[in-house]
Amino acid sequence: MAVRVTKDDFEEKVLRESLPVVVDFYSDSCVACKMLAPVLGELEDEYEEKLKVVKVNTNFDVELSEKYSIMSNPTVLIFQSGEEVARRVGSASYQEFEDWVMRSING
């Protein structure tokens, strides 16, 4: 299950992480976010040694949402070596999402 991060540990768990990090900006009341949650869980299980998946609740972590210009939920960012390398808004099937993540982290 994806770990929830906040502004207090975002740098440590995302920006300083050696593996690529998939960051799900979500809201508890967002239907599309609930649809994406099992997709992210499956991705996390499948690629356990190759990437990390974390979540940021936009209702509680407004500062991070503003810093990364999150305008709607869910918005998923991929970070590598502390830099944002990809961004996607909305839910998707597992296959679509997996393809996007692999293209994003493998160049």
C-alpha atoms as a PDB file:
ATOM      1  CA  MET A   1       0.000   0.000   0.000  1.00  0.00           C
ATOM      2  CA  ALA A   2       1.330   3.426  -0.974  1.00  0.00           C
ATOM      3  CA  VAL A   3       2.738   5.462   1.898  1.00  0.00           C
ATOM      4  CA  ARG A   4       1.203   8.877   2.488  1.00  0.00           C
ATOM      5  CA  VAL A   5       3.768  11.668   2.502  1.00  0.00           C
ATOM      6  CA  THR A   6       3.458  15.247   3.692  1.00  0.00           C
ATOM      7  CA  LYS A   7       5.484  18.417   3.241  1.00  0.00           C
ATOM      8  CA  ASP A   8       7.517  17.306   6.259  1.00  0.00           C
ATOM      9  CA  ASP A   9       8.868  14.138   4.633  1.00  0.00           C
ATOM     10  CA  PHE A  10       8.371  14.812   0.895  1.00  0.00           C
ATOM     11  CA  GLU A  11      12.013  15.728   0.347  1.00  0.00           C
ATOM     12  CA  GLU A  12      13.266  12.584   2.087  1.00  0.00           C
ATOM     13  CA  LYS A  13      10.781  10.104   0.593  1.00  0.00           C
ATOM     14  CA  VAL A  14      10.475  11.575  -2.901  1.00  0.00           C
ATOM     15  CA  LEU A  15      13.206  14.016  -3.847  1.00  0.00           C
ATOM     16  CA  ARG A  16      16.095  12.091  -2.244  1.00  0.00           C
ATOM     17  CA  GLU A  17      14.871   8.609  -3.224  1.00  0.00           C
ATOM     18  CA  SER A  18      17.239   6.711  -5.514  1.00  0.00           C
ATOM     19  CA  LEU A  19      14.388   4.866  -7.257  1.00  0.00           C
ATOM     20  CA  PRO A  20      11.798   6.586  -9.460  1.00  0.00           C
ATOM     21  CA  VAL A  21       8.828   7.739  -7.362  1.00  0.00           C
ATOM     22  CA  VAL A  22       5.205   7.799  -8.523  1.00  0.00           C
ATOM     23  CA  VAL A  23       3.371  10.468  -6.498  1.00  0.00           C
ATOM     24  CA  ASP A  24      -0.427  10.320  -6.430  1.00  0.00           C
ATOM     25  CA  PHE A  25      -2.008  13.658  -5.498  1.00  0.00           C
ATOM     26  CA  TYR A  26      -5.487  12.637  -4.384  1.00  0.00           C
ATOM     27  CA  SER A  27      -8.515  13.540  -2.317  1.00  0.00           C
ATOM     28  CA  ASP A  28     -10.604  11.198  -0.176  1.00  0.00           C
ATOM     29  CA  SER A  29     -13.818  12.431  -1.808  1.00  0.00           C
ATOM     30  CA  CYS A  30     -12.564  11.974  -5.388  1.00  0.00           C
ATOM     31  CA  VAL A  31     -14.236   9.100  -7.279  1.00  0.00           C
ATOM     32  CA  ALA A  32     -11.523   8.924  -9.959  1.00  0.00           C
ATOM     33  CA  CYS A  33      -8.920   8.766  -7.166  1.00  0.00           C
ATOM     34  CA  LYS A  34     -10.686   5.738  -5.700  1.00  0.00           C
ATOM     35  CA  MET A  35     -10.671   4.114  -9.139  1.00  0.00           C
ATOM     36  CA  LEU A  36      -6.946   4.759  -9.512  1.00  0.00           C
ATOM     37  CA  ALA A  37      -5.995   3.432  -6.054  1.00  0.00           C
ATOM     38  CA  PRO A  38      -6.062  -0.298  -6.979  1.00  0.00           C
ATOM     39  CA  VAL A  39      -4.135   0.445 -10.193  1.00  0.00           C
ATOM     40  CA  LEU A  40      -1.394   2.123  -8.152  1.00  0.00           C
ATOM     41  CA  GLY A  41      -1.453  -0.734  -5.643  1.00  0.00           C
ATOM     42  CA  GLU A  42      -0.950  -3.278  -8.399  1.00  0.00           C
ATOM     43  CA  LEU A  43       1.835  -1.183  -9.929  1.00  0.00           C
ATOM     44  CA  GLU A  44       3.543  -0.932  -6.558  1.00  0.00           C
ATOM     45  CA  ASP A  45       3.343  -4.711  -6.054  1.00  0.00           C
ATOM     46  CA  GLU A  46       4.546  -5.504  -9.577  1.00  0.00           C
ATOM     47  CA  TYR A  47       7.534  -3.117  -9.513  1.00  0.00           C
ATOM     48  CA  GLU A  48       8.403  -3.286  -5.822  1.00  0.00           C
ATOM     49  CA  GLU A  49      12.183  -3.211  -6.386  1.00  0.00           C
ATOM     50  CA  LYS A  50      12.117  -0.766  -9.318  1.00  0.00           C
ATOM     51  CA  LEU A  51       9.985   2.160  -8.129  1.00  0.00           C
ATOM     52  CA  LYS A  52       8.170   3.638  -5.161  1.00  0.00           C
ATOM     53  CA  VAL A  53       4.550   4.766  -4.974  1.00  0.00           C
ATOM     54  CA  VAL A  54       3.473   7.447  -2.499  1.00  0.00           C
ATOM     55  CA  LYS A  55       0.334   9.502  -1.953  1.00  0.00           C
ATOM     56  CA  VAL A  56      -0.238  13.164  -1.113  1.00  0.00           C
ATOM     57  CA  ASN A  57      -3.679  14.162   0.191  1.00  0.00           C
ATOM     58  CA  THR A  58      -4.466  17.506  -1.445  1.00  0.00           C
ATOM     59  CA  ASN A  59      -6.952  18.420   1.292  1.00  0.00           C
ATOM     60  CA  PHE A  60      -4.286  18.293   3.993  1.00  0.00           C
ATOM     61  CA  ASP A  61      -1.130  19.089   2.054  1.00  0.00           C
ATOM     62  CA  VAL A  62      -2.169  22.278   0.300  1.00  0.00           C
ATOM     63  CA  GLU A  63       1.392  23.613   0.314  1.00  0.00           C
ATOM     64  CA  LEU A  64       2.631  20.662  -1.785  1.00  0.00           C
ATOM     65  CA  SER A  65      -0.398  20.910  -4.078  1.00  0.00           C
ATOM     66  CA  GLU A  66       0.362  24.570  -4.704  1.00  0.00           C
ATOM     67  CA  LYS A  67       4.101  23.998  -5.128  1.00  0.00           C
ATOM     68  CA  TYR A  68       3.470  21.395  -7.855  1.00  0.00           C
ATOM     69  CA  SER A  69       0.507  23.256  -9.414  1.00  0.00           C
ATOM     70  CA  ILE A  70      -2.026  20.491  -8.783  1.00  0.00           C
ATOM     71  CA  MET A  71      -5.313  21.687 -10.281  1.00  0.00           C
ATOM     72  CA  SER A  72      -7.390  18.489 -10.182  1.00  0.00           C
ATOM     73  CA  ASN A  73      -7.464  15.066  -8.593  1.00  0.00           C
ATOM     74  CA  PRO A  74      -6.022  12.627  -9.239  1.00  0.00           C
ATOM     75  CA  THR A  75      -2.819  14.065 -10.621  1.00  0.00           C
ATOM     76  CA  VAL A  76       0.143  11.707 -10.739  1.00  0.00           C
ATOM     77  CA  LEU A  77       3.717  12.949 -10.965  1.00  0.00           C
ATOM     78  CA  ILE A  78       6.810  10.853 -11.535  1.00  0.00           C
ATOM     79  CA  PHE A  79      10.079  11.963  -9.985  1.00  0.00           C
ATOM     80  CA  GLN A  80      13.565  10.710 -10.823  1.00  0.00           C
ATOM     81  CA  SER A  81      16.675  12.025  -9.095  1.00  0.00           C
ATOM     82  CA  GLY A  82      14.599  14.708  -7.384  1.00  0.00           C
ATOM     83  CA  GLU A  83      13.113  16.076 -10.614  1.00  0.00           C
ATOM     84  CA  GLU A  84       9.607  15.787 -12.021  1.00  0.00           C
ATOM     85  CA  VAL A  85       9.848  13.831 -15.284  1.00  0.00           C
ATOM     86  CA  ALA A  86       6.173  13.180 -16.076  1.00  0.00           C
ATOM     87  CA  ARG A  87       2.656  14.230 -15.130  1.00  0.00           C
ATOM     88  CA  ARG A  88      -0.752  12.720 -15.772  1.00  0.00           C
ATOM     89  CA  VAL A  89      -4.228  13.814 -14.716  1.00  0.00           C
ATOM     90  CA  GLY A  90      -7.106  11.372 -14.232  1.00  0.00           C
ATOM     91  CA  SER A  91      -7.597   7.671 -13.816  1.00  0.00           C
ATOM     92  CA  ALA A  92      -6.620   4.949 -16.279  1.00  0.00           C
ATOM     93  CA  SER A  93      -6.610   1.191 -16.691  1.00  0.00           C
ATOM     94  CA  TYR A  94      -3.680  -0.710 -15.278  1.00  0.00           C
ATOM     95  CA  GLN A  95      -2.197  -1.355 -18.721  1.00  0.00           C
ATOM     96  CA  GLU A  96      -2.434   2.299 -19.789  1.00  0.00           C
ATOM     97  CA  PHE A  97      -0.943   3.472 -16.530  1.00  0.00           C
ATOM     98  CA  GLU A  98       1.846   0.890 -16.517  1.00  0.00           C
ATOM     99  CA  ASP A  99       2.775   1.794 -20.109  1.00  0.00           C
ATOM    100  CA  TRP A 100       2.892   5.508 -19.236  1.00  0.00           C
ATOM    101  CA  VAL A 101       5.041   4.923 -16.128  1.00  0.00           C
ATOM    102  CA  MET A 102       7.493   2.653 -17.968  1.00  0.00           C
ATOM    103  CA  ARG A 103       7.852   5.107 -20.877  1.00  0.00           C
ATOM    104  CA  SER A 104       8.367   7.944 -18.416  1.00  0.00           C
ATOM    105  CA  ILE A 105      11.087   6.304 -16.330  1.00  0.00           C
ATOM    106  CA  ASN A 106      12.876   4.500 -19.146  1.00  0.00           C
ATOM    107  CA  GLY A 107      13.083   7.494 -21.454  1.00  0.00           C
END
